[in-house]
Amino acid sequence: MAVPKKKASRARHRRRLAANTRIEPPARSTCPHCHHVKVPHTVCPNCGWYKGRMVVEVD
């Protein structure tokens, strides 16, 4: 069984964790009805359509 010879320092441990922690921009898609950029799987804020039908009345 593999056992480390020395304890990993707090800095080394945190540096390893921080290597995979990054901020990524949210996913975006286009509305098939009005071609406005929106978040996937949500009602389009521009036209109010979702899954091919009008869901919300937008002024």
N, C-alpha and C. Protein backbone atom coordinates (compact mmCIF):
# COMPACT_ATOMS: atom_id res chain seq x y z
N MET A 1 0.84 -1.18 0.00
CA MET A 1 0.00 0.00 0.00
C MET A 1 0.88 1.24 0.00
N ALA A 2 0.56 2.20 -0.86
CA ALA A 2 1.36 3.42 -0.97
C ALA A 2 1.04 4.36 0.18
N VAL A 3 2.10 4.81 0.85
CA VAL A 3 1.96 5.74 1.96
C VAL A 3 2.92 6.89 1.72
N PRO A 4 2.46 8.15 1.82
CA PRO A 4 3.36 9.27 1.61
C PRO A 4 4.41 9.36 2.71
N LYS A 5 5.66 9.73 2.33
CA LYS A 5 6.74 9.83 3.32
C LYS A 5 6.54 11.03 4.22
N LYS A 6 6.04 12.13 3.65
CA LYS A 6 5.83 13.33 4.44
C LYS A 6 4.44 13.88 4.19
N LYS A 7 3.93 14.62 5.16
CA LYS A 7 2.61 15.23 5.03
C LYS A 7 2.68 16.33 3.97
N ALA A 8 1.69 16.37 3.10
CA ALA A 8 1.61 17.44 2.10
C ALA A 8 1.25 18.73 2.80
N SER A 9 1.99 19.78 2.51
CA SER A 9 1.74 21.06 3.16
C SER A 9 0.39 21.62 2.74
N ARG A 10 -0.11 22.56 3.50
CA ARG A 10 -1.40 23.18 3.21
C ARG A 10 -1.35 23.91 1.87
N ALA A 11 -0.23 24.57 1.60
CA ALA A 11 -0.09 25.30 0.34
C ALA A 11 -0.11 24.35 -0.85
N ARG A 12 0.60 23.25 -0.74
CA ARG A 12 0.65 22.28 -1.83
C ARG A 12 -0.73 21.66 -2.06
N HIS A 13 -1.41 21.36 -0.98
CA HIS A 13 -2.76 20.77 -1.08
C HIS A 13 -3.72 21.75 -1.74
N ARG A 14 -3.71 23.01 -1.32
CA ARG A 14 -4.62 24.01 -1.87
C ARG A 14 -4.27 24.35 -3.32
N ARG A 15 -2.98 24.34 -3.67
CA ARG A 15 -2.57 24.60 -5.04
C ARG A 15 -3.10 23.52 -5.97
N ARG A 16 -3.08 22.29 -5.50
CA ARG A 16 -3.59 21.18 -6.31
C ARG A 16 -5.11 21.31 -6.50
N LEU A 17 -5.83 21.72 -5.47
CA LEU A 17 -7.28 21.90 -5.59
C LEU A 17 -7.63 23.08 -6.49
N ALA A 18 -6.83 24.15 -6.40
CA ALA A 18 -7.12 25.36 -7.17
C ALA A 18 -6.83 25.16 -8.66
N ALA A 19 -6.04 24.16 -9.02
CA ALA A 19 -5.70 23.95 -10.42
C ALA A 19 -6.93 23.64 -11.26
N ASN A 20 -7.96 23.02 -10.69
CA ASN A 20 -9.16 22.65 -11.43
C ASN A 20 -10.35 23.54 -11.12
N THR A 21 -10.16 24.57 -10.33
CA THR A 21 -11.24 25.47 -9.98
C THR A 21 -11.14 26.71 -10.85
N ARG A 22 -12.04 26.83 -11.81
CA ARG A 22 -12.00 27.98 -12.69
C ARG A 22 -13.44 28.45 -12.95
N ILE A 23 -13.57 29.70 -13.29
CA ILE A 23 -14.87 30.26 -13.60
C ILE A 23 -15.07 30.17 -15.10
N GLU A 24 -16.15 29.52 -15.51
CA GLU A 24 -16.47 29.38 -16.92
C GLU A 24 -17.73 30.17 -17.23
N PRO A 25 -17.81 30.72 -18.43
CA PRO A 25 -19.02 31.47 -18.78
C PRO A 25 -20.21 30.53 -18.89
N PRO A 26 -21.40 31.01 -18.59
CA PRO A 26 -22.58 30.16 -18.69
C PRO A 26 -22.85 29.74 -20.13
N ALA A 27 -23.48 28.60 -20.29
CA ALA A 27 -23.81 28.10 -21.63
C ALA A 27 -24.84 29.02 -22.28
N ARG A 28 -24.74 29.16 -23.58
CA ARG A 28 -25.68 30.01 -24.33
C ARG A 28 -26.18 29.24 -25.55
N SER A 29 -27.40 29.53 -25.94
CA SER A 29 -27.97 28.98 -27.17
C SER A 29 -28.81 30.07 -27.81
N THR A 30 -29.26 29.81 -29.02
CA THR A 30 -30.09 30.80 -29.70
C THR A 30 -31.53 30.30 -29.74
N CYS A 31 -32.43 31.22 -29.65
CA CYS A 31 -33.86 30.91 -29.72
C CYS A 31 -34.20 30.56 -31.16
N PRO A 32 -34.84 29.41 -31.40
CA PRO A 32 -35.18 29.06 -32.79
C PRO A 32 -36.28 29.95 -33.38
N HIS A 33 -37.01 30.64 -32.52
CA HIS A 33 -38.11 31.49 -33.01
C HIS A 33 -37.63 32.89 -33.39
N CYS A 34 -36.86 33.53 -32.50
CA CYS A 34 -36.44 34.92 -32.77
C CYS A 34 -34.92 35.06 -32.93
N HIS A 35 -34.18 33.97 -32.76
CA HIS A 35 -32.72 33.94 -32.91
C HIS A 35 -32.00 34.88 -31.94
N HIS A 36 -32.59 35.06 -30.77
CA HIS A 36 -31.99 35.86 -29.71
C HIS A 36 -31.17 34.92 -28.82
N VAL A 37 -30.05 35.38 -28.27
CA VAL A 37 -29.22 34.55 -27.41
C VAL A 37 -29.91 34.39 -26.06
N LYS A 38 -29.98 33.13 -25.57
CA LYS A 38 -30.65 32.84 -24.30
C LYS A 38 -29.95 31.69 -23.60
N VAL A 39 -30.32 31.44 -22.36
CA VAL A 39 -29.81 30.31 -21.60
C VAL A 39 -30.58 29.06 -22.04
N PRO A 40 -29.91 27.92 -22.23
CA PRO A 40 -30.61 26.72 -22.69
C PRO A 40 -31.67 26.24 -21.69
N HIS A 41 -32.71 25.62 -22.18
CA HIS A 41 -33.79 25.02 -21.40
C HIS A 41 -34.56 26.04 -20.57
N THR A 42 -34.67 27.27 -21.08
CA THR A 42 -35.45 28.30 -20.41
C THR A 42 -36.31 29.02 -21.44
N VAL A 43 -37.31 29.73 -20.96
CA VAL A 43 -38.17 30.53 -21.84
C VAL A 43 -37.34 31.69 -22.39
N CYS A 44 -37.51 31.98 -23.65
CA CYS A 44 -36.77 33.09 -24.27
C CYS A 44 -37.26 34.41 -23.67
N PRO A 45 -36.36 35.22 -23.11
CA PRO A 45 -36.80 36.49 -22.52
C PRO A 45 -37.21 37.52 -23.56
N ASN A 46 -36.82 37.30 -24.81
CA ASN A 46 -37.13 38.26 -25.86
C ASN A 46 -38.52 38.05 -26.45
N CYS A 47 -38.88 36.77 -26.74
CA CYS A 47 -40.16 36.52 -27.40
C CYS A 47 -41.14 35.70 -26.55
N GLY A 48 -40.66 35.03 -25.51
CA GLY A 48 -41.54 34.28 -24.63
C GLY A 48 -41.86 32.87 -25.10
N TRP A 49 -41.16 32.36 -26.09
CA TRP A 49 -41.41 31.02 -26.62
C TRP A 49 -40.53 30.00 -25.92
N TYR A 50 -41.05 28.76 -25.79
CA TYR A 50 -40.29 27.64 -25.25
C TYR A 50 -40.83 26.36 -25.86
N LYS A 51 -39.96 25.55 -26.42
CA LYS A 51 -40.31 24.27 -27.05
C LYS A 51 -41.40 24.43 -28.11
N GLY A 52 -41.26 25.46 -28.95
CA GLY A 52 -42.15 25.62 -30.08
C GLY A 52 -43.52 26.19 -29.79
N ARG A 53 -43.73 26.74 -28.61
CA ARG A 53 -45.03 27.34 -28.32
C ARG A 53 -44.85 28.57 -27.44
N MET A 54 -45.83 29.46 -27.48
CA MET A 54 -45.80 30.69 -26.68
C MET A 54 -46.15 30.33 -25.25
N VAL A 55 -45.26 30.65 -24.32
CA VAL A 55 -45.46 30.32 -22.91
C VAL A 55 -45.74 31.57 -22.08
N VAL A 56 -45.04 32.65 -22.39
CA VAL A 56 -45.15 33.89 -21.61
C VAL A 56 -45.42 35.03 -22.57
N GLU A 57 -46.37 35.89 -22.20
CA GLU A 57 -46.64 37.09 -22.99
C GLU A 57 -45.55 38.12 -22.67
N VAL A 58 -44.85 38.58 -23.70
CA VAL A 58 -43.80 39.56 -23.53
C VAL A 58 -44.23 40.86 -24.19
N ASP A 59 -44.06 41.96 -23.47
CA ASP A 59 -44.45 43.28 -24.00
C ASP A 59 -43.42 43.78 -24.98
